[in-house]
N, C-alpha and C. Protein backbone atom coordinates (compact mmCIF):
# COMPACT_ATOMS: atom_id res chain seq x y z
N MET A 1 67.27 -206.88 -28.98
CA MET A 1 66.88 -207.56 -30.21
C MET A 1 68.00 -208.52 -30.61
N PRO A 2 67.68 -209.78 -30.90
CA PRO A 2 68.73 -210.74 -31.24
C PRO A 2 69.39 -210.42 -32.58
N HIS A 3 70.66 -210.79 -32.66
CA HIS A 3 71.42 -210.58 -33.90
C HIS A 3 70.98 -211.61 -34.94
N ILE A 4 70.64 -211.14 -36.10
CA ILE A 4 70.26 -212.02 -37.21
C ILE A 4 71.40 -211.99 -38.22
N ASP A 5 71.91 -213.15 -38.59
CA ASP A 5 73.02 -213.21 -39.52
C ASP A 5 72.52 -212.95 -40.94
N TRP A 6 72.63 -211.72 -41.38
CA TRP A 6 72.13 -211.33 -42.70
C TRP A 6 72.85 -212.09 -43.80
N GLN A 7 74.14 -212.39 -43.59
CA GLN A 7 74.91 -213.07 -44.63
C GLN A 7 74.38 -214.48 -44.90
N LYS A 8 74.00 -215.19 -43.85
CA LYS A 8 73.45 -216.54 -44.05
C LYS A 8 72.11 -216.48 -44.77
N LEU A 9 71.28 -215.51 -44.41
CA LEU A 9 69.99 -215.35 -45.10
C LEU A 9 70.20 -214.96 -46.56
N TYR A 10 71.15 -214.07 -46.80
CA TYR A 10 71.46 -213.63 -48.16
C TYR A 10 71.94 -214.82 -48.99
N GLU A 11 72.86 -215.60 -48.46
CA GLU A 11 73.38 -216.76 -49.18
C GLU A 11 72.28 -217.79 -49.45
N ALA A 12 71.40 -217.99 -48.47
CA ALA A 12 70.29 -218.93 -48.66
C ALA A 12 69.38 -218.46 -49.79
N ALA A 13 69.11 -217.16 -49.83
CA ALA A 13 68.26 -216.61 -50.89
C ALA A 13 68.91 -216.79 -52.26
N MET A 14 70.21 -216.59 -52.33
CA MET A 14 70.91 -216.70 -53.60
C MET A 14 70.91 -218.13 -54.14
N LEU A 15 70.76 -219.11 -53.24
CA LEU A 15 70.79 -220.51 -53.65
C LEU A 15 69.41 -221.15 -53.80
N GLU A 16 68.37 -220.46 -53.31
CA GLU A 16 67.03 -221.05 -53.30
C GLU A 16 66.45 -221.14 -54.70
N MET A 17 65.86 -222.29 -55.01
CA MET A 17 65.25 -222.51 -56.31
C MET A 17 63.72 -222.47 -56.26
N ASN A 18 63.14 -222.72 -55.10
CA ASN A 18 61.69 -222.72 -54.94
C ASN A 18 61.19 -221.28 -54.87
N PRO A 19 60.39 -220.82 -55.83
CA PRO A 19 59.95 -219.43 -55.85
C PRO A 19 59.21 -218.99 -54.59
N ASP A 20 58.41 -219.89 -54.00
CA ASP A 20 57.68 -219.53 -52.79
C ASP A 20 58.64 -219.29 -51.63
N LYS A 21 59.62 -220.14 -51.48
CA LYS A 21 60.61 -219.96 -50.41
C LYS A 21 61.51 -218.76 -50.70
N LEU A 22 61.79 -218.54 -51.97
CA LEU A 22 62.68 -217.44 -52.36
C LEU A 22 62.14 -216.10 -51.90
N VAL A 23 60.86 -215.87 -52.11
CA VAL A 23 60.25 -214.60 -51.71
C VAL A 23 60.43 -214.38 -50.21
N ALA A 24 60.19 -215.41 -49.42
CA ALA A 24 60.32 -215.29 -47.97
C ALA A 24 61.77 -215.04 -47.57
N LEU A 25 62.70 -215.73 -48.21
CA LEU A 25 64.12 -215.55 -47.89
C LEU A 25 64.62 -214.16 -48.26
N ILE A 26 64.18 -213.66 -49.40
CA ILE A 26 64.57 -212.31 -49.80
C ILE A 26 64.08 -211.30 -48.76
N GLY A 27 62.83 -211.43 -48.35
CA GLY A 27 62.28 -210.53 -47.34
C GLY A 27 63.04 -210.61 -46.02
N ALA A 28 63.35 -211.81 -45.59
CA ALA A 28 64.09 -211.99 -44.33
C ALA A 28 65.49 -211.40 -44.44
N ALA A 29 66.15 -211.63 -45.58
CA ALA A 29 67.50 -211.10 -45.78
C ALA A 29 67.48 -209.58 -45.82
N GLU A 30 66.50 -209.00 -46.50
CA GLU A 30 66.40 -207.55 -46.57
C GLU A 30 66.17 -206.95 -45.18
N GLN A 31 65.35 -207.60 -44.39
CA GLN A 31 65.07 -207.12 -43.04
C GLN A 31 66.33 -207.21 -42.17
N ALA A 32 67.06 -208.31 -42.27
CA ALA A 32 68.28 -208.47 -41.49
C ALA A 32 69.34 -207.46 -41.92
N ILE A 33 69.43 -207.18 -43.21
CA ILE A 33 70.38 -206.19 -43.71
C ILE A 33 70.03 -204.81 -43.17
N ALA A 34 68.75 -204.46 -43.20
CA ALA A 34 68.32 -203.16 -42.67
C ALA A 34 68.63 -203.05 -41.18
N GLN A 35 68.43 -204.14 -40.47
CA GLN A 35 68.71 -204.15 -39.03
C GLN A 35 70.21 -203.92 -38.79
N ARG A 36 71.04 -204.59 -39.54
CA ARG A 36 72.49 -204.44 -39.37
C ARG A 36 72.94 -203.03 -39.79
N ASP A 37 72.37 -202.53 -40.85
CA ASP A 37 72.74 -201.21 -41.36
C ASP A 37 72.38 -200.08 -40.39
N SER A 38 71.41 -200.33 -39.53
CA SER A 38 70.98 -199.29 -38.58
C SER A 38 71.84 -199.24 -37.32
N ARG A 39 72.75 -200.17 -37.17
CA ARG A 39 73.60 -200.19 -35.97
C ARG A 39 74.66 -199.09 -36.05
N PRO A 40 74.97 -198.48 -34.92
CA PRO A 40 75.94 -197.37 -34.93
C PRO A 40 77.39 -197.83 -35.14
N ASP A 41 77.69 -199.09 -34.91
CA ASP A 41 79.08 -199.57 -35.00
C ASP A 41 79.47 -200.09 -36.38
N ILE A 42 78.66 -199.86 -37.38
CA ILE A 42 78.94 -200.38 -38.72
C ILE A 42 80.07 -199.58 -39.38
N THR A 43 80.93 -200.30 -40.07
CA THR A 43 82.04 -199.66 -40.77
C THR A 43 81.64 -199.32 -42.20
N GLU A 44 82.39 -198.45 -42.81
CA GLU A 44 82.08 -198.07 -44.20
C GLU A 44 82.22 -199.25 -45.17
N PRO A 45 83.26 -200.09 -45.04
CA PRO A 45 83.33 -201.26 -45.93
C PRO A 45 82.13 -202.20 -45.76
N GLU A 46 81.67 -202.36 -44.52
CA GLU A 46 80.51 -203.22 -44.32
C GLU A 46 79.25 -202.57 -44.88
N ARG A 47 79.15 -201.26 -44.77
CA ARG A 47 78.00 -200.54 -45.33
C ARG A 47 77.94 -200.75 -46.85
N ARG A 48 79.09 -200.74 -47.50
CA ARG A 48 79.13 -200.99 -48.95
C ARG A 48 78.73 -202.44 -49.27
N LYS A 49 79.19 -203.35 -48.43
CA LYS A 49 78.84 -204.75 -48.61
C LYS A 49 77.32 -204.95 -48.47
N LEU A 50 76.72 -204.27 -47.51
CA LEU A 50 75.28 -204.34 -47.32
C LEU A 50 74.54 -203.75 -48.53
N ALA A 51 75.05 -202.65 -49.04
CA ALA A 51 74.43 -202.02 -50.21
C ALA A 51 74.51 -202.95 -51.42
N ASP A 52 75.65 -203.62 -51.60
CA ASP A 52 75.79 -204.58 -52.70
C ASP A 52 74.80 -205.74 -52.54
N ALA A 53 74.67 -206.23 -51.31
CA ALA A 53 73.75 -207.34 -51.06
C ALA A 53 72.31 -206.91 -51.34
N ARG A 54 71.95 -205.69 -50.92
CA ARG A 54 70.60 -205.17 -51.20
C ARG A 54 70.34 -205.12 -52.70
N SER A 55 71.33 -204.65 -53.44
CA SER A 55 71.20 -204.54 -54.88
C SER A 55 70.99 -205.92 -55.52
N MET A 56 71.75 -206.89 -55.09
CA MET A 56 71.61 -208.25 -55.64
C MET A 56 70.25 -208.84 -55.30
N LEU A 57 69.79 -208.60 -54.07
CA LEU A 57 68.48 -209.11 -53.67
C LEU A 57 67.37 -208.46 -54.48
N LYS A 58 67.52 -207.18 -54.77
CA LYS A 58 66.52 -206.47 -55.57
C LYS A 58 66.47 -207.07 -56.98
N SER A 59 67.64 -207.34 -57.55
CA SER A 59 67.69 -207.96 -58.88
C SER A 59 67.09 -209.36 -58.85
N LEU A 60 67.44 -210.11 -57.84
CA LEU A 60 66.91 -211.47 -57.70
C LEU A 60 65.39 -211.44 -57.55
N SER A 61 64.89 -210.47 -56.81
CA SER A 61 63.44 -210.32 -56.62
C SER A 61 62.75 -210.02 -57.95
N ARG A 62 63.36 -209.15 -58.76
CA ARG A 62 62.78 -208.83 -60.07
C ARG A 62 62.76 -210.06 -60.97
N ILE A 63 63.84 -210.82 -60.95
CA ILE A 63 63.92 -212.04 -61.77
C ILE A 63 62.87 -213.04 -61.31
N ALA A 64 62.77 -213.25 -60.01
CA ALA A 64 61.79 -214.20 -59.48
C ALA A 64 60.38 -213.75 -59.81
N SER A 65 60.15 -212.46 -59.74
CA SER A 65 58.82 -211.92 -60.05
C SER A 65 58.48 -212.13 -61.52
N SER A 66 59.41 -211.87 -62.40
CA SER A 66 59.14 -212.05 -63.82
C SER A 66 58.97 -213.52 -64.17
N GLN A 67 59.71 -214.40 -63.52
CA GLN A 67 59.54 -215.83 -63.77
C GLN A 67 58.20 -216.30 -63.25
N GLY A 68 57.79 -215.76 -62.10
CA GLY A 68 56.49 -216.11 -61.54
C GLY A 68 55.37 -215.67 -62.45
N LYS A 69 55.49 -214.46 -63.01
CA LYS A 69 54.48 -213.96 -63.93
C LYS A 69 54.44 -214.82 -65.19
N ARG A 70 55.60 -215.20 -65.66
CA ARG A 70 55.68 -216.04 -66.86
C ARG A 70 55.04 -217.40 -66.61
N ALA A 71 55.31 -217.98 -65.44
CA ALA A 71 54.74 -219.28 -65.11
C ALA A 71 53.21 -219.18 -65.01
N ALA A 72 52.72 -218.10 -64.43
CA ALA A 72 51.27 -217.90 -64.31
C ALA A 72 50.65 -217.75 -65.70
N TYR A 73 51.32 -217.00 -66.57
CA TYR A 73 50.84 -216.81 -67.94
C TYR A 73 50.81 -218.15 -68.68
N ASP A 74 51.90 -218.92 -68.54
CA ASP A 74 51.95 -220.22 -69.19
C ASP A 74 50.85 -221.15 -68.68
N ALA A 75 50.62 -221.12 -67.37
CA ALA A 75 49.58 -221.96 -66.77
C ALA A 75 48.20 -221.55 -67.26
N ALA A 76 48.00 -220.25 -67.43
CA ALA A 76 46.71 -219.77 -67.92
C ALA A 76 46.48 -220.18 -69.37
N LEU A 77 47.53 -220.24 -70.16
CA LEU A 77 47.41 -220.64 -71.56
C LEU A 77 47.25 -222.15 -71.72
N GLN A 78 47.77 -222.89 -70.81
CA GLN A 78 47.80 -224.35 -70.93
C GLN A 78 46.43 -224.95 -71.23
N PRO A 79 45.38 -224.63 -70.48
CA PRO A 79 44.07 -225.25 -70.81
C PRO A 79 43.57 -224.85 -72.18
N ARG A 80 43.81 -223.63 -72.58
CA ARG A 80 43.34 -223.18 -73.89
C ARG A 80 44.04 -223.94 -75.01
N GLN A 81 45.33 -224.16 -74.85
CA GLN A 81 46.06 -224.91 -75.87
C GLN A 81 45.54 -226.34 -75.94
N HIS A 82 45.24 -226.90 -74.79
CA HIS A 82 44.73 -228.27 -74.74
C HIS A 82 43.36 -228.35 -75.40
N GLU A 83 42.52 -227.32 -75.18
CA GLU A 83 41.19 -227.31 -75.79
C GLU A 83 41.29 -227.28 -77.31
N ARG A 84 42.26 -226.54 -77.83
CA ARG A 84 42.42 -226.45 -79.28
C ARG A 84 42.87 -227.79 -79.88
N LEU A 85 43.66 -228.52 -79.10
CA LEU A 85 44.14 -229.81 -79.59
C LEU A 85 43.04 -230.86 -79.56
N GLY A 86 42.09 -230.73 -78.64
CA GLY A 86 41.05 -231.75 -78.46
C GLY A 86 39.95 -231.60 -79.39
């Protein structure tokens, strides 16, 4: 199985602004982290670093999810507000 650089995927996810791309990057980073974490040669400091990255990705995912829900709610209200003005 080829080595996937989890750090590059993690950094890309942390910088991504497009919600659609963000979801995919978070998933790819989480998968790469799990792959690295399952290797027998991992050190304890790296294991902690992976755990920290997982935690940040989980938080980022929650934020992205809540923003997505908010955007959907706002979009759903938009026509109704326009109808009231017209």
